[in-house]
Amino acid sequence: MYALDLFRTASGPLRILCLGAHSDDIEIGCGGFILELTRRHRAVEVDWVVFSAAGPRQNEARRGAGLFLKGARRQRVIIRQFRDGFFPYDAAIKDYFEKLKTDIEPPDLVLTHYRADRHQDHRVISNLSWNTFRDQLILEYEIPKFDGDLGSPNCFVPVDRRTCERKIKYVRDVFQSQRTKYWFEPETLRSLMRLRGVECRAPGRYAEAFYARKIVLQTP
């Protein structure tokens, strides 16, 4: 399979905007990709925004971001308090996206939720990502859950076993509030990453998958 190195010829830092509806969404959806970028790539600068993280979830969100962004050259973590489960009815989230667009430097890459995710909060963040950032590469990450809404992604980021296990450990160590959830097991994350690794013939056996709805290939 031919691999595209989207940032090989870019100059200056790689600016990434990570958007998650809830505490742990970014870590579960694209944590491996972030770990690989900050470990292997040139200077990475990250704006990390969590839209709903109340009570102990706020501390978990900050700790999770801190672990996954340890290798970033610059990081800014923003935790908001929008009401969990009510995003489609809160116009203030749209207002915040407009503010975010002017508050941060234009990102090279936006990582956001999958458009067809059955969780209503996730879909709102995905839709507003596309409404707001029209000149950026947007990749939509996936989250395994009860709804059974995993699709057929078309973009894969291979990760090795070490990165896979590091992601799982961070998620398990940080998000103690989720310990009682039936899905909160290493096998859940590992099995999905192994399946995506099979689909892209990942050399290290594991991968994270994304939906790349629009990519422009620049010819010489």
N, C-alpha and C. Protein backbone atom coordinates (compact mmCIF):
# COMPACT_ATOMS: atom_id res chain seq x y z
N MET A 1 0.85 -1.19 0.00
CA MET A 1 0.00 0.00 0.00
C MET A 1 0.89 1.25 0.00
N TYR A 2 0.61 2.18 -0.90
CA TYR A 2 1.41 3.40 -1.00
C TYR A 2 1.06 4.34 0.16
N ALA A 3 2.11 4.82 0.83
CA ALA A 3 1.91 5.69 1.98
C ALA A 3 2.19 7.14 1.61
N LEU A 4 1.32 8.02 2.03
CA LEU A 4 1.49 9.45 1.80
C LEU A 4 2.06 10.10 3.06
N ASP A 5 3.20 10.74 2.91
CA ASP A 5 3.75 11.52 4.02
C ASP A 5 3.28 12.96 3.81
N LEU A 6 2.21 13.30 4.48
CA LEU A 6 1.54 14.58 4.21
C LEU A 6 2.36 15.78 4.63
N PHE A 7 3.35 15.59 5.50
CA PHE A 7 4.06 16.74 6.05
C PHE A 7 5.55 16.72 5.73
N ARG A 8 5.96 15.88 4.79
CA ARG A 8 7.39 15.72 4.53
C ARG A 8 8.06 17.01 4.11
N THR A 9 7.41 17.79 3.26
CA THR A 9 8.05 18.98 2.72
C THR A 9 7.65 20.27 3.44
N ALA A 10 6.83 20.14 4.47
CA ALA A 10 6.38 21.35 5.16
C ALA A 10 7.52 21.96 5.96
N SER A 11 7.49 23.28 6.04
CA SER A 11 8.50 23.98 6.85
C SER A 11 7.82 24.54 8.10
N GLY A 12 8.61 24.75 9.14
CA GLY A 12 8.04 25.28 10.37
C GLY A 12 7.36 24.19 11.17
N PRO A 13 6.74 24.55 12.27
CA PRO A 13 6.10 23.56 13.14
C PRO A 13 4.85 22.97 12.51
N LEU A 14 4.49 21.79 12.97
CA LEU A 14 3.24 21.15 12.58
C LEU A 14 2.20 21.51 13.63
N ARG A 15 1.16 22.24 13.24
CA ARG A 15 0.14 22.69 14.18
C ARG A 15 -1.08 21.78 14.09
N ILE A 16 -1.47 21.25 15.23
CA ILE A 16 -2.58 20.31 15.29
C ILE A 16 -3.64 20.84 16.25
N LEU A 17 -4.90 20.73 15.85
CA LEU A 17 -6.02 21.05 16.72
C LEU A 17 -6.77 19.76 17.01
N CYS A 18 -6.83 19.36 18.28
CA CYS A 18 -7.54 18.16 18.70
C CYS A 18 -8.84 18.58 19.38
N LEU A 19 -9.95 18.04 18.91
CA LEU A 19 -11.25 18.39 19.43
C LEU A 19 -11.96 17.15 19.96
N GLY A 20 -12.41 17.21 21.21
CA GLY A 20 -13.12 16.09 21.80
C GLY A 20 -14.33 16.57 22.57
N ALA A 21 -15.45 15.89 22.39
CA ALA A 21 -16.66 16.29 23.10
C ALA A 21 -16.50 16.09 24.60
N HIS A 22 -15.87 14.97 24.99
CA HIS A 22 -15.78 14.62 26.41
C HIS A 22 -14.35 14.26 26.79
N SER A 23 -14.12 14.26 28.09
CA SER A 23 -12.86 13.77 28.62
C SER A 23 -12.68 12.32 28.16
N ASP A 24 -11.54 12.01 27.62
CA ASP A 24 -11.07 10.71 27.11
C ASP A 24 -11.35 10.46 25.64
N ASP A 25 -12.18 11.29 24.97
CA ASP A 25 -12.48 11.07 23.55
C ASP A 25 -11.23 11.17 22.69
N ILE A 26 -10.46 12.22 22.88
CA ILE A 26 -9.27 12.42 22.05
C ILE A 26 -8.27 11.30 22.28
N GLU A 27 -8.06 10.96 23.55
CA GLU A 27 -7.08 9.93 23.88
C GLU A 27 -7.45 8.59 23.25
N ILE A 28 -8.73 8.22 23.32
CA ILE A 28 -9.18 6.95 22.76
C ILE A 28 -9.18 7.01 21.24
N GLY A 29 -9.64 8.13 20.68
CA GLY A 29 -9.79 8.21 19.23
C GLY A 29 -8.50 8.36 18.45
N CYS A 30 -7.57 9.17 18.96
CA CYS A 30 -6.35 9.43 18.18
C CYS A 30 -5.11 9.54 19.05
N GLY A 31 -5.14 8.95 20.24
CA GLY A 31 -3.99 9.02 21.14
C GLY A 31 -2.74 8.40 20.56
N GLY A 32 -2.88 7.28 19.86
CA GLY A 32 -1.71 6.65 19.25
C GLY A 32 -1.07 7.52 18.19
N PHE A 33 -1.89 8.17 17.38
CA PHE A 33 -1.40 9.08 16.34
C PHE A 33 -0.62 10.23 16.98
N ILE A 34 -1.16 10.81 18.04
CA ILE A 34 -0.48 11.90 18.73
C ILE A 34 0.86 11.43 19.29
N LEU A 35 0.87 10.28 19.92
CA LEU A 35 2.12 9.75 20.48
C LEU A 35 3.16 9.52 19.38
N GLU A 36 2.73 9.01 18.24
CA GLU A 36 3.66 8.77 17.14
C GLU A 36 4.19 10.09 16.58
N LEU A 37 3.32 11.07 16.42
CA LEU A 37 3.75 12.36 15.87
C LEU A 37 4.76 13.04 16.79
N THR A 38 4.46 13.07 18.07
CA THR A 38 5.36 13.77 18.99
C THR A 38 6.66 13.01 19.21
N ARG A 39 6.67 11.71 18.94
CA ARG A 39 7.89 10.92 19.10
C ARG A 39 8.78 10.98 17.86
N ARG A 40 8.19 11.01 16.69
CA ARG A 40 8.94 10.85 15.45
C ARG A 40 9.12 12.13 14.64
N HIS A 41 8.22 13.07 14.84
CA HIS A 41 8.12 14.18 13.88
C HIS A 41 8.95 15.38 14.32
N ARG A 42 8.98 16.34 13.41
CA ARG A 42 9.58 17.63 13.74
C ARG A 42 8.73 18.31 14.80
N ALA A 43 8.99 19.56 15.06
CA ALA A 43 8.28 20.29 16.12
C ALA A 43 6.77 20.22 15.93
N VAL A 44 6.09 19.78 16.97
CA VAL A 44 4.63 19.66 16.94
C VAL A 44 4.04 20.62 17.97
N GLU A 45 3.07 21.40 17.54
CA GLU A 45 2.37 22.33 18.43
C GLU A 45 0.89 21.94 18.45
N VAL A 46 0.33 21.79 19.63
CA VAL A 46 -1.02 21.23 19.75
C VAL A 46 -1.93 22.14 20.57
N ASP A 47 -3.11 22.40 20.02
CA ASP A 47 -4.22 22.97 20.79
C ASP A 47 -5.20 21.82 21.02
N TRP A 48 -5.51 21.59 22.28
CA TRP A 48 -6.28 20.40 22.71
C TRP A 48 -7.51 20.89 23.44
N VAL A 49 -8.69 20.66 22.86
CA VAL A 49 -9.92 21.24 23.41
C VAL A 49 -10.90 20.12 23.77
N VAL A 50 -11.31 20.10 25.04
CA VAL A 50 -12.33 19.18 25.53
C VAL A 50 -13.55 20.02 25.89
N PHE A 51 -14.70 19.67 25.33
CA PHE A 51 -15.88 20.53 25.47
C PHE A 51 -16.72 20.24 26.71
N SER A 52 -16.63 19.04 27.26
CA SER A 52 -17.40 18.73 28.45
C SER A 52 -16.59 17.83 29.37
N ALA A 53 -16.21 18.36 30.53
CA ALA A 53 -15.45 17.59 31.52
C ALA A 53 -15.71 18.19 32.89
N ALA A 54 -16.75 17.72 33.53
CA ALA A 54 -17.15 18.29 34.83
C ALA A 54 -16.59 17.45 35.97
N GLY A 55 -16.46 18.07 37.14
CA GLY A 55 -16.04 17.38 38.34
C GLY A 55 -14.69 16.71 38.17
N PRO A 56 -14.56 15.45 38.61
CA PRO A 56 -13.28 14.75 38.48
C PRO A 56 -12.85 14.53 37.04
N ARG A 57 -13.81 14.57 36.13
CA ARG A 57 -13.48 14.39 34.71
C ARG A 57 -12.59 15.53 34.20
N GLN A 58 -12.69 16.70 34.81
CA GLN A 58 -11.85 17.82 34.40
C GLN A 58 -10.38 17.53 34.72
N ASN A 59 -10.12 17.03 35.91
CA ASN A 59 -8.74 16.68 36.26
C ASN A 59 -8.21 15.55 35.40
N GLU A 60 -9.07 14.58 35.09
CA GLU A 60 -8.66 13.49 34.22
C GLU A 60 -8.31 14.01 32.83
N ALA A 61 -9.11 14.94 32.33
CA ALA A 61 -8.85 15.49 31.00
C ALA A 61 -7.49 16.19 30.96
N ARG A 62 -7.18 16.94 31.98
CA ARG A 62 -5.89 17.65 32.00
C ARG A 62 -4.73 16.67 32.13
N ARG A 63 -4.90 15.67 32.97
CA ARG A 63 -3.83 14.70 33.13
C ARG A 63 -3.62 13.88 31.85
N GLY A 64 -4.72 13.51 31.20
CA GLY A 64 -4.60 12.76 29.95
C GLY A 64 -3.88 13.56 28.89
N ALA A 65 -4.26 14.81 28.73
CA ALA A 65 -3.59 15.67 27.75
C ALA A 65 -2.12 15.80 28.08
N GLY A 66 -1.80 15.96 29.36
CA GLY A 66 -0.40 16.11 29.76
C GLY A 66 0.44 14.90 29.38
N LEU A 67 -0.10 13.70 29.54
CA LEU A 67 0.64 12.50 29.20
C LEU A 67 0.83 12.35 27.70
N PHE A 68 -0.23 12.55 26.95
CA PHE A 68 -0.15 12.35 25.50
C PHE A 68 0.62 13.45 24.79
N LEU A 69 0.75 14.60 25.42
CA LEU A 69 1.43 15.72 24.77
C LEU A 69 2.82 15.99 25.35
N LYS A 70 3.36 15.05 26.09
CA LYS A 70 4.68 15.26 26.70
C LYS A 70 5.75 15.60 25.66
N GLY A 71 5.65 15.04 24.48
CA GLY A 71 6.67 15.27 23.46
C GLY A 71 6.41 16.46 22.56
N ALA A 72 5.31 17.19 22.78
CA ALA A 72 4.99 18.33 21.92
C ALA A 72 5.88 19.53 22.24
N ARG A 73 6.22 20.29 21.22
CA ARG A 73 7.02 21.49 21.45
C ARG A 73 6.23 22.55 22.18
N ARG A 74 4.94 22.65 21.85
CA ARG A 74 4.05 23.59 22.54
C ARG A 74 2.69 22.93 22.68
N GLN A 75 2.05 23.17 23.80
CA GLN A 75 0.72 22.63 24.00
C GLN A 75 -0.15 23.64 24.72
N ARG A 76 -1.40 23.68 24.32
CA ARG A 76 -2.38 24.49 25.05
C ARG A 76 -3.62 23.62 25.24
N VAL A 77 -3.99 23.40 26.48
CA VAL A 77 -5.12 22.53 26.81
C VAL A 77 -6.27 23.39 27.32
N ILE A 78 -7.43 23.23 26.69
CA ILE A 78 -8.62 24.01 27.03
C ILE A 78 -9.72 23.04 27.45
N ILE A 79 -10.26 23.23 28.62
CA ILE A 79 -11.34 22.38 29.13
C ILE A 79 -12.58 23.25 29.31
N ARG A 80 -13.66 22.89 28.63
CA ARG A 80 -14.92 23.63 28.73
C ARG A 80 -15.94 22.82 29.53
N GLN A 81 -17.05 23.48 29.87
CA GLN A 81 -18.04 22.85 30.74
C GLN A 81 -19.43 22.82 30.09
N PHE A 82 -19.50 22.55 28.81
CA PHE A 82 -20.81 22.42 28.18
C PHE A 82 -21.50 21.16 28.70
N ARG A 83 -22.81 21.19 28.73
CA ARG A 83 -23.58 20.13 29.38
C ARG A 83 -23.53 18.83 28.58
N ASP A 84 -23.07 17.78 29.21
CA ASP A 84 -22.96 16.47 28.58
C ASP A 84 -24.33 15.98 28.11
N GLY A 85 -24.38 15.56 26.84
CA GLY A 85 -25.61 15.01 26.29
C GLY A 85 -26.54 16.01 25.66
N PHE A 86 -26.24 17.31 25.78
CA PHE A 86 -27.16 18.34 25.30
C PHE A 86 -26.53 19.23 24.22
N PHE A 87 -25.47 18.80 23.60
CA PHE A 87 -24.77 19.65 22.63
C PHE A 87 -25.67 20.13 21.48
N PRO A 88 -26.56 19.31 20.94
CA PRO A 88 -27.38 19.81 19.81
C PRO A 88 -28.28 20.98 20.17
N TYR A 89 -28.50 21.21 21.45
CA TYR A 89 -29.43 22.26 21.88
C TYR A 89 -28.71 23.47 22.47
N ASP A 90 -27.39 23.50 22.36
CA ASP A 90 -26.61 24.57 22.98
C ASP A 90 -25.92 25.41 21.91
N ALA A 91 -26.50 26.56 21.58
CA ALA A 91 -25.94 27.43 20.55
C ALA A 91 -24.60 28.02 20.96
N ALA A 92 -24.32 28.01 22.26
CA ALA A 92 -23.06 28.58 22.73
C ALA A 92 -21.86 27.79 22.21
N ILE A 93 -22.06 26.53 21.86
CA ILE A 93 -20.96 25.73 21.31
C ILE A 93 -20.56 26.27 19.94
N LYS A 94 -21.53 26.65 19.13
CA LYS A 94 -21.23 27.28 17.84
C LYS A 94 -20.47 28.58 18.06
N ASP A 95 -20.91 29.39 19.01
CA ASP A 95 -20.22 30.65 19.31
C ASP A 95 -18.77 30.37 19.72
N TYR A 96 -18.58 29.31 20.49
CA TYR A 96 -17.22 29.02 20.94
C TYR A 96 -16.32 28.60 19.77
N PHE A 97 -16.86 27.85 18.83
CA PHE A 97 -16.07 27.49 17.65
C PHE A 97 -15.61 28.74 16.89
N GLU A 98 -16.48 29.70 16.77
CA GLU A 98 -16.11 30.94 16.08
C GLU A 98 -15.01 31.67 16.84
N LYS A 99 -15.09 31.66 18.15
CA LYS A 99 -14.05 32.28 18.97
C LYS A 99 -12.73 31.51 18.85
N LEU A 100 -12.84 30.20 18.86
CA LEU A 100 -11.64 29.36 18.77
C LEU A 100 -10.90 29.63 17.47
N LYS A 101 -11.64 29.82 16.41
CA LYS A 101 -11.04 30.06 15.10
C LYS A 101 -10.14 31.29 15.10
N THR A 102 -10.50 32.29 15.87
CA THR A 102 -9.71 33.52 15.91
C THR A 102 -8.66 33.51 17.02
N ASP A 103 -8.85 32.64 18.02
CA ASP A 103 -7.93 32.62 19.16
C ASP A 103 -6.66 31.82 18.90
N ILE A 104 -6.71 30.87 17.99
CA ILE A 104 -5.55 30.00 17.76
C ILE A 104 -4.95 30.29 16.39
N GLU A 105 -3.70 29.93 16.23
CA GLU A 105 -3.09 30.00 14.91
C GLU A 105 -3.72 28.94 14.03
N PRO A 106 -3.89 29.22 12.74
CA PRO A 106 -4.53 28.24 11.86
C PRO A 106 -3.81 26.89 11.91
N PRO A 107 -4.52 25.82 12.23
CA PRO A 107 -3.87 24.51 12.31
C PRO A 107 -3.60 23.93 10.93
N ASP A 108 -2.61 23.05 10.86
CA ASP A 108 -2.39 22.28 9.64
C ASP A 108 -3.33 21.09 9.58
N LEU A 109 -3.66 20.56 10.74
CA LEU A 109 -4.46 19.35 10.85
C LEU A 109 -5.46 19.49 11.99
N VAL A 110 -6.71 19.11 11.72
CA VAL A 110 -7.76 19.09 12.74
C VAL A 110 -8.17 17.63 12.95
N LEU A 111 -8.12 17.18 14.20
CA LEU A 111 -8.57 15.83 14.56
C LEU A 111 -9.87 15.96 15.33
N THR A 112 -10.93 15.37 14.80
CA THR A 112 -12.26 15.55 15.38
C THR A 112 -13.04 14.25 15.32
N HIS A 113 -14.29 14.30 15.77
CA HIS A 113 -15.13 13.12 15.81
C HIS A 113 -15.62 12.70 14.42
N TYR A 114 -15.98 11.44 14.31
CA TYR A 114 -16.55 10.84 13.09
C TYR A 114 -17.95 11.40 12.86
N ARG A 115 -18.20 11.82 11.63
CA ARG A 115 -19.47 12.46 11.30
C ARG A 115 -20.69 11.57 11.56
N ALA A 116 -20.55 10.28 11.38
CA ALA A 116 -21.67 9.36 11.54
C ALA A 116 -21.72 8.71 12.92
N ASP A 117 -20.96 9.22 13.86
CA ASP A 117 -20.99 8.73 15.24
C ASP A 117 -22.41 8.90 15.79
N ARG A 118 -22.93 7.88 16.44
CA ARG A 118 -24.30 7.94 16.92
C ARG A 118 -24.47 8.77 18.19
N HIS A 119 -23.38 9.12 18.85
CA HIS A 119 -23.50 9.99 20.03
C HIS A 119 -23.74 11.42 19.56
N GLN A 120 -24.81 12.01 20.03
CA GLN A 120 -25.21 13.32 19.52
C GLN A 120 -24.17 14.40 19.78
N ASP A 121 -23.49 14.34 20.91
CA ASP A 121 -22.47 15.34 21.21
C ASP A 121 -21.31 15.22 20.23
N HIS A 122 -20.92 13.99 19.91
CA HIS A 122 -19.82 13.77 18.98
C HIS A 122 -20.15 14.34 17.61
N ARG A 123 -21.38 14.11 17.15
CA ARG A 123 -21.76 14.59 15.82
C ARG A 123 -21.74 16.12 15.75
N VAL A 124 -22.16 16.77 16.81
CA VAL A 124 -22.14 18.24 16.82
C VAL A 124 -20.71 18.76 16.66
N ILE A 125 -19.78 18.18 17.39
CA ILE A 125 -18.38 18.62 17.29
C ILE A 125 -17.84 18.37 15.89
N SER A 126 -18.17 17.23 15.30
CA SER A 126 -17.72 16.93 13.94
C SER A 126 -18.28 17.93 12.94
N ASN A 127 -19.58 18.17 13.00
CA ASN A 127 -20.21 19.08 12.05
C ASN A 127 -19.65 20.50 12.16
N LEU A 128 -19.45 20.97 13.40
CA LEU A 128 -18.93 22.32 13.57
C LEU A 128 -17.45 22.41 13.19
N SER A 129 -16.74 21.31 13.28
CA SER A 129 -15.35 21.31 12.80
C SER A 129 -15.30 21.63 11.32
N TRP A 130 -16.19 20.98 10.56
CA TRP A 130 -16.22 21.23 9.11
C TRP A 130 -16.77 22.61 8.78
N ASN A 131 -17.72 23.09 9.56
CA ASN A 131 -18.26 24.44 9.33
C ASN A 131 -17.21 25.51 9.56
N THR A 132 -16.31 25.27 10.51
CA THR A 132 -15.40 26.30 10.99
C THR A 132 -14.06 26.29 10.29
N PHE A 133 -13.51 25.11 10.04
CA PHE A 133 -12.15 24.99 9.50
C PHE A 133 -12.20 24.46 8.07
N ARG A 134 -12.27 25.37 7.12
CA ARG A 134 -12.47 25.01 5.72
C ARG A 134 -11.18 24.96 4.91
N ASP A 135 -10.08 25.41 5.48
CA ASP A 135 -8.81 25.41 4.77
C ASP A 135 -7.81 24.44 5.38
N GLN A 136 -8.28 23.54 6.23
CA GLN A 136 -7.40 22.61 6.92
C GLN A 136 -7.71 21.17 6.54
N LEU A 137 -6.72 20.32 6.71
CA LEU A 137 -6.96 18.89 6.60
C LEU A 137 -7.68 18.43 7.86
N ILE A 138 -8.82 17.79 7.69
CA ILE A 138 -9.60 17.29 8.82
C ILE A 138 -9.65 15.77 8.75
N LEU A 139 -9.27 15.13 9.84
CA LEU A 139 -9.39 13.68 9.96
C LEU A 139 -10.33 13.38 11.12
N GLU A 140 -11.29 12.51 10.86
CA GLU A 140 -12.28 12.15 11.86
C GLU A 140 -11.90 10.82 12.51
N TYR A 141 -11.77 10.81 13.82
CA TYR A 141 -11.39 9.58 14.52
C TYR A 141 -12.64 8.80 14.96
N GLU A 142 -12.42 7.56 15.35
CA GLU A 142 -13.53 6.68 15.75
C GLU A 142 -13.39 6.27 17.21
N ILE A 143 -14.54 5.99 17.84
CA ILE A 143 -14.57 5.57 19.23
C ILE A 143 -15.47 4.34 19.36
N PRO A 144 -14.95 3.23 19.86
CA PRO A 144 -15.79 2.04 20.03
C PRO A 144 -16.75 2.23 21.20
N LYS A 145 -18.00 1.80 21.02
CA LYS A 145 -18.99 1.93 22.09
C LYS A 145 -20.23 1.09 21.77
N PHE A 146 -21.22 1.17 22.63
CA PHE A 146 -22.43 0.35 22.55
C PHE A 146 -23.17 0.51 21.23
N ASP A 147 -23.17 1.70 20.66
CA ASP A 147 -24.00 2.01 19.50
C ASP A 147 -23.66 1.17 18.26
N GLY A 148 -22.46 0.60 18.21
CA GLY A 148 -22.10 -0.21 17.04
C GLY A 148 -22.04 0.60 15.76
N ASP A 149 -21.46 1.81 15.83
CA ASP A 149 -21.45 2.71 14.68
C ASP A 149 -20.10 2.77 13.98
N LEU A 150 -19.23 1.79 14.22
CA LEU A 150 -17.95 1.78 13.51
C LEU A 150 -18.20 1.55 12.02
N GLY A 151 -17.51 2.31 11.19
CA GLY A 151 -17.71 2.21 9.75
C GLY A 151 -16.49 1.63 9.06
N SER A 152 -16.28 2.08 7.82
CA SER A 152 -15.15 1.64 7.01
C SER A 152 -14.24 2.84 6.75
N PRO A 153 -13.32 3.11 7.64
CA PRO A 153 -12.44 4.28 7.48
C PRO A 153 -11.51 4.12 6.29
N ASN A 154 -11.02 5.24 5.78
CA ASN A 154 -10.19 5.20 4.58
C ASN A 154 -8.80 5.78 4.79
N CYS A 155 -8.44 6.05 6.03
CA CYS A 155 -7.13 6.60 6.34
C CYS A 155 -6.59 5.88 7.58
N PHE A 156 -5.35 5.41 7.51
CA PHE A 156 -4.80 4.61 8.60
C PHE A 156 -3.45 5.16 9.02
N VAL A 157 -3.21 5.14 10.33
CA VAL A 157 -1.93 5.54 10.88
C VAL A 157 -1.33 4.34 11.62
N PRO A 158 -0.35 3.66 11.04
CA PRO A 158 0.25 2.51 11.72
C PRO A 158 0.97 2.94 12.99
N VAL A 159 0.87 2.11 14.02
CA VAL A 159 1.62 2.32 15.26
C VAL A 159 2.23 0.98 15.66
N ASP A 160 3.33 1.03 16.36
CA ASP A 160 3.95 -0.22 16.80
C ASP A 160 3.32 -0.67 18.11
N ARG A 161 3.70 -1.87 18.54
CA ARG A 161 3.11 -2.43 19.76
C ARG A 161 3.40 -1.56 20.98
N ARG A 162 4.61 -0.99 21.03
CA ARG A 162 4.98 -0.16 22.18
C ARG A 162 4.05 1.03 22.30
N THR A 163 3.76 1.69 21.18
CA THR A 163 2.87 2.84 21.21
C THR A 163 1.45 2.41 21.55
N CYS A 164 1.02 1.29 21.00
CA CYS A 164 -0.31 0.75 21.30
C CYS A 164 -0.47 0.53 22.80
N GLU A 165 0.50 -0.13 23.42
CA GLU A 165 0.41 -0.43 24.85
C GLU A 165 0.55 0.81 25.70
N ARG A 166 1.33 1.76 25.23
CA ARG A 166 1.48 3.02 25.96
C ARG A 166 0.16 3.79 25.96
N LYS A 167 -0.51 3.82 24.83
CA LYS A 167 -1.82 4.47 24.76
C LYS A 167 -2.79 3.81 25.73
N ILE A 168 -2.86 2.49 25.71
CA ILE A 168 -3.78 1.77 26.57
C ILE A 168 -3.48 2.04 28.04
N LYS A 169 -2.22 2.03 28.39
CA LYS A 169 -1.83 2.27 29.78
C LYS A 169 -2.23 3.67 30.24
N TYR A 170 -1.97 4.67 29.41
CA TYR A 170 -2.33 6.03 29.78
C TYR A 170 -3.84 6.15 30.00
N VAL A 171 -4.63 5.60 29.07
CA VAL A 171 -6.08 5.69 29.19
C VAL A 171 -6.56 4.99 30.45
N ARG A 172 -6.04 3.81 30.70
CA ARG A 172 -6.45 3.04 31.88
C ARG A 172 -6.02 3.72 33.19
N ASP A 173 -4.82 4.29 33.20
CA ASP A 173 -4.33 4.92 34.42
C ASP A 173 -5.05 6.21 34.75
N VAL A 174 -5.38 6.97 33.72
CA VAL A 174 -5.91 8.32 33.95
C VAL A 174 -7.40 8.32 34.24
N PHE A 175 -8.18 7.61 33.46
CA PHE A 175 -9.63 7.78 33.51
C PHE A 175 -10.28 6.81 34.50
N GLN A 176 -9.96 7.05 35.76
CA GLN A 176 -10.46 6.19 36.83
C GLN A 176 -11.99 6.25 36.96
N SER A 177 -12.59 7.35 36.55
CA SER A 177 -14.05 7.47 36.64
C SER A 177 -14.76 6.48 35.73
N GLN A 178 -14.04 5.91 34.77
CA GLN A 178 -14.65 4.98 33.82
C GLN A 178 -14.41 3.51 34.20
N ARG A 179 -13.78 3.28 35.32
CA ARG A 179 -13.39 1.92 35.72
C ARG A 179 -14.57 0.97 35.80
N THR A 180 -15.74 1.46 36.14
CA THR A 180 -16.90 0.58 36.29
C THR A 180 -17.61 0.30 34.97
N LYS A 181 -17.22 0.97 33.90
CA LYS A 181 -17.87 0.77 32.61
C LYS A 181 -17.44 -0.56 32.00
N TYR A 182 -18.39 -1.29 31.43
CA TYR A 182 -18.11 -2.63 30.93
C TYR A 182 -17.14 -2.63 29.75
N TRP A 183 -17.05 -1.53 29.05
CA TRP A 183 -16.18 -1.46 27.86
C TRP A 183 -14.74 -1.06 28.21
N PHE A 184 -14.54 -0.63 29.44
CA PHE A 184 -13.25 -0.03 29.81
C PHE A 184 -12.23 -1.13 30.12
N GLU A 185 -11.79 -1.81 29.08
CA GLU A 185 -10.84 -2.90 29.18
C GLU A 185 -9.75 -2.74 28.14
N PRO A 186 -8.54 -3.19 28.43
CA PRO A 186 -7.47 -3.10 27.43
C PRO A 186 -7.83 -3.78 26.11
N GLU A 187 -8.58 -4.88 26.19
CA GLU A 187 -8.92 -5.62 24.98
C GLU A 187 -9.76 -4.79 24.01
N THR A 188 -10.59 -3.90 24.55
CA THR A 188 -11.43 -3.07 23.69
C THR A 188 -10.57 -2.21 22.76
N LEU A 189 -9.61 -1.51 23.35
CA LEU A 189 -8.75 -0.63 22.55
C LEU A 189 -7.79 -1.44 21.69
N ARG A 190 -7.21 -2.47 22.27
CA ARG A 190 -6.21 -3.25 21.54
C ARG A 190 -6.82 -3.97 20.34
N SER A 191 -8.01 -4.52 20.51
CA SER A 191 -8.62 -5.28 19.42
C SER A 191 -8.97 -4.39 18.23
N LEU A 192 -9.46 -3.18 18.51
CA LEU A 192 -9.78 -2.28 17.40
C LEU A 192 -8.51 -1.86 16.67
N MET A 193 -7.46 -1.55 17.42
CA MET A 193 -6.20 -1.16 16.79
C MET A 193 -5.57 -2.31 16.01
N ARG A 194 -5.76 -3.53 16.50
CA ARG A 194 -5.25 -4.69 15.76
C ARG A 194 -6.02 -4.89 14.47
N LEU A 195 -7.34 -4.76 14.51
CA LEU A 195 -8.16 -4.90 13.31
C LEU A 195 -7.78 -3.85 12.28
N ARG A 196 -7.61 -2.60 12.70
CA ARG A 196 -7.23 -1.56 11.75
C ARG A 196 -5.82 -1.81 11.22
N GLY A 197 -4.96 -2.41 12.05
CA GLY A 197 -3.63 -2.78 11.58
C GLY A 197 -3.69 -3.83 10.49
N VAL A 198 -4.61 -4.78 10.63
CA VAL A 198 -4.80 -5.79 9.58
C VAL A 198 -5.25 -5.13 8.28
N GLU A 199 -6.18 -4.19 8.39
CA GLU A 199 -6.75 -3.57 7.20
C GLU A 199 -5.74 -2.75 6.40
N CYS A 200 -4.69 -2.27 7.06
CA CYS A 200 -3.69 -1.46 6.34
C CYS A 200 -2.33 -2.15 6.28
N ARG A 201 -2.27 -3.43 6.68
CA ARG A 201 -1.02 -4.18 6.66
C ARG A 201 0.09 -3.43 7.42
N ALA A 202 -0.25 -2.98 8.62
CA ALA A 202 0.68 -2.20 9.43
C ALA A 202 1.90 -3.05 9.82
N PRO A 203 3.10 -2.54 9.58
CA PRO A 203 4.31 -3.31 9.92
C PRO A 203 4.37 -3.69 11.40
N GLY A 204 3.89 -2.81 12.26
CA GLY A 204 3.90 -3.07 13.69
C GLY A 204 2.65 -3.74 14.21
N ARG A 205 1.74 -4.15 13.29
CA ARG A 205 0.53 -4.92 13.59
C ARG A 205 -0.65 -4.08 14.06
N TYR A 206 -0.44 -2.83 14.48
CA TYR A 206 -1.52 -2.03 15.01
C TYR A 206 -1.65 -0.72 14.23
N ALA A 207 -2.84 -0.13 14.32
CA ALA A 207 -3.07 1.15 13.63
C ALA A 207 -4.29 1.83 14.23
N GLU A 208 -4.35 3.14 14.08
CA GLU A 208 -5.58 3.89 14.31
C GLU A 208 -6.14 4.27 12.95
N ALA A 209 -7.45 4.40 12.89
CA ALA A 209 -8.10 4.67 11.61
C ALA A 209 -8.91 5.96 11.68
N PHE A 210 -8.99 6.62 10.52
CA PHE A 210 -9.66 7.91 10.42
C PHE A 210 -10.47 7.97 9.13
N TYR A 211 -11.38 8.94 9.09
CA TYR A 211 -12.14 9.22 7.89
C TYR A 211 -11.60 10.51 7.29
N ALA A 212 -10.99 10.39 6.12
CA ALA A 212 -10.43 11.54 5.42
C ALA A 212 -11.38 11.88 4.27
N ARG A 213 -12.29 12.78 4.51
CA ARG A 213 -13.35 13.05 3.53
C ARG A 213 -12.87 13.92 2.37
N LYS A 214 -11.89 14.76 2.62
CA LYS A 214 -11.36 15.63 1.56
C LYS A 214 -9.84 15.73 1.68
N ILE A 215 -9.14 15.29 0.64
CA ILE A 215 -7.69 15.42 0.58
C ILE A 215 -7.33 15.96 -0.79
N VAL A 216 -6.51 16.98 -0.82
CA VAL A 216 -6.03 17.55 -2.07
C VAL A 216 -4.61 17.07 -2.30
N LEU A 217 -4.35 16.42 -3.41
CA LEU A 217 -3.01 15.98 -3.77
C LEU A 217 -2.37 17.03 -4.66
N GLN A 218 -1.31 17.63 -4.18
CA GLN A 218 -0.62 18.68 -4.92
C GLN A 218 0.36 18.04 -5.89
N THR A 219 0.21 18.31 -7.18
CA THR A 219 1.12 17.79 -8.18
C THR A 219 2.34 18.70 -8.28
N PRO A 220 3.48 18.16 -8.69
CA PRO A 220 4.71 19.00 -8.81
C PRO A 220 4.50 20.12 -9.79
